[in-house]
Amino acid sequence: MAGYRVLDLADEKGLLCAKILSDLGADVIKVERPGGDPARNIGPFHKDIPHPRGAFTGSSPT
């Protein structure tokens, strides 16, 4: 997707989409509301359990 520019106006529900588009080569520009994006306060893992599979799928580690 090199050559494309994406304007990211999404909330925390759109984080993965912007990351995937960026990974595919698009130039993603994030626009945050005044005071910053609330997603900055969300930890990188589901329920703060450091497990790679649970990070995006929401499944718990076994």
C-alpha atoms as a PDB file:
ATOM      1  CA  MET A   1       0.000   0.000   0.000  1.00  0.00           C
ATOM      2  CA  ALA A   2       2.986   2.264  -0.442  1.00  0.00           C
ATOM      3  CA  GLY A   3       1.865   5.606  -1.789  1.00  0.00           C
ATOM      4  CA  TYR A   4      -1.418   5.637   0.141  1.00  0.00           C
ATOM      5  CA  ARG A   5      -2.038   8.011   3.019  1.00  0.00           C
ATOM      6  CA  VAL A   6      -4.666   7.026   5.619  1.00  0.00           C
ATOM      7  CA  LEU A   7      -6.292   9.444   8.040  1.00  0.00           C
ATOM      8  CA  ASP A   8      -6.993   7.562  11.283  1.00  0.00           C
ATOM      9  CA  LEU A   9      -9.910   9.121  13.188  1.00  0.00           C
ATOM     10  CA  ALA A  10     -10.894   5.922  14.997  1.00  0.00           C
ATOM     11  CA  ASP A  11     -11.080   5.272  18.723  1.00  0.00           C
ATOM     12  CA  GLU A  12      -9.560   2.242  20.448  1.00  0.00           C
ATOM     13  CA  LYS A  13     -11.752  -0.088  18.384  1.00  0.00           C
ATOM     14  CA  GLY A  14      -9.814   0.891  15.256  1.00  0.00           C
ATOM     15  CA  LEU A  15      -6.257   0.449  16.587  1.00  0.00           C
ATOM     16  CA  LEU A  16      -5.626  -2.870  14.886  1.00  0.00           C
ATOM     17  CA  CYS A  17      -6.891  -1.628  11.516  1.00  0.00           C
ATOM     18  CA  ALA A  18      -4.502   1.339  11.531  1.00  0.00           C
ATOM     19  CA  LYS A  19      -1.619  -0.946  12.536  1.00  0.00           C
ATOM     20  CA  ILE A  20      -2.360  -3.419   9.745  1.00  0.00           C
ATOM     21  CA  LEU A  21      -2.611  -0.655   7.148  1.00  0.00           C
ATOM     22  CA  SER A  22       0.693   0.757   8.387  1.00  0.00           C
ATOM     23  CA  ASP A  23       2.326  -2.692   8.294  1.00  0.00           C
ATOM     24  CA  LEU A  24       1.158  -3.024   4.694  1.00  0.00           C
ATOM     25  CA  GLY A  25       3.007   0.165   3.790  1.00  0.00           C
ATOM     26  CA  ALA A  26       0.386   2.907   4.040  1.00  0.00           C
ATOM     27  CA  ASP A  27       1.322   6.235   5.613  1.00  0.00           C
ATOM     28  CA  VAL A  28      -1.085   6.391   8.583  1.00  0.00           C
ATOM     29  CA  ILE A  29      -1.753   9.764  10.196  1.00  0.00           C
ATOM     30  CA  LYS A  30      -3.468   9.517  13.594  1.00  0.00           C
ATOM     31  CA  VAL A  31      -5.643  12.451  14.624  1.00  0.00           C
ATOM     32  CA  GLU A  32      -6.362  12.566  18.352  1.00  0.00           C
ATOM     33  CA  ARG A  33      -8.974  14.549  20.194  1.00  0.00           C
ATOM     34  CA  PRO A  34      -7.869  17.293  22.602  1.00  0.00           C
ATOM     35  CA  GLY A  35      -6.316  15.701  25.671  1.00  0.00           C
ATOM     36  CA  GLY A  36      -4.994  12.728  23.703  1.00  0.00           C
ATOM     37  CA  ASP A  37      -6.310   9.329  22.755  1.00  0.00           C
ATOM     38  CA  PRO A  38      -7.737   7.301  25.675  1.00  0.00           C
ATOM     39  CA  ALA A  39      -6.175   4.207  24.077  1.00  0.00           C
ATOM     40  CA  ARG A  40      -2.789   5.436  25.307  1.00  0.00           C
ATOM     41  CA  ASN A  41      -3.871   4.254  28.766  1.00  0.00           C
ATOM     42  CA  ILE A  42      -4.670   0.721  27.608  1.00  0.00           C
ATOM     43  CA  GLY A  43      -1.980  -1.859  28.282  1.00  0.00           C
ATOM     44  CA  PRO A  44      -0.638  -3.959  25.436  1.00  0.00           C
ATOM     45  CA  PHE A  45      -2.130  -7.224  26.709  1.00  0.00           C
ATOM     46  CA  HIS A  46      -5.633  -8.450  27.408  1.00  0.00           C
ATOM     47  CA  LYS A  47      -6.270  -8.135  31.155  1.00  0.00           C
ATOM     48  CA  ASP A  48      -2.588  -7.127  31.593  1.00  0.00           C
ATOM     49  CA  ILE A  49      -1.478 -10.743  31.179  1.00  0.00           C
ATOM     50  CA  PRO A  50       1.682 -10.752  29.026  1.00  0.00           C
ATOM     51  CA  HIS A  51       0.775 -13.464  26.553  1.00  0.00           C
ATOM     52  CA  PRO A  52       1.227 -12.857  22.789  1.00  0.00           C
ATOM     53  CA  ARG A  53      -1.817 -14.885  21.733  1.00  0.00           C
ATOM     54  CA  GLY A  54      -4.104 -12.986  24.077  1.00  0.00           C
ATOM     55  CA  ALA A  55      -2.884  -9.576  22.956  1.00  0.00           C
ATOM     56  CA  PHE A  56      -5.163  -9.357  19.921  1.00  0.00           C
ATOM     57  CA  THR A  57      -7.537 -12.297  20.158  1.00  0.00           C
ATOM     58  CA  GLY A  58      -8.744 -11.772  23.705  1.00  0.00           C
ATOM     59  CA  SER A  59      -8.157 -15.430  24.500  1.00  0.00           C
ATOM     60  CA  SER A  60      -6.655 -16.259  27.836  1.00  0.00           C
ATOM     61  CA  PRO A  61      -3.328 -18.020  28.186  1.00  0.00           C
ATOM     62  CA  THR A  62      -3.434 -21.745  28.834  1.00  0.00           C
END
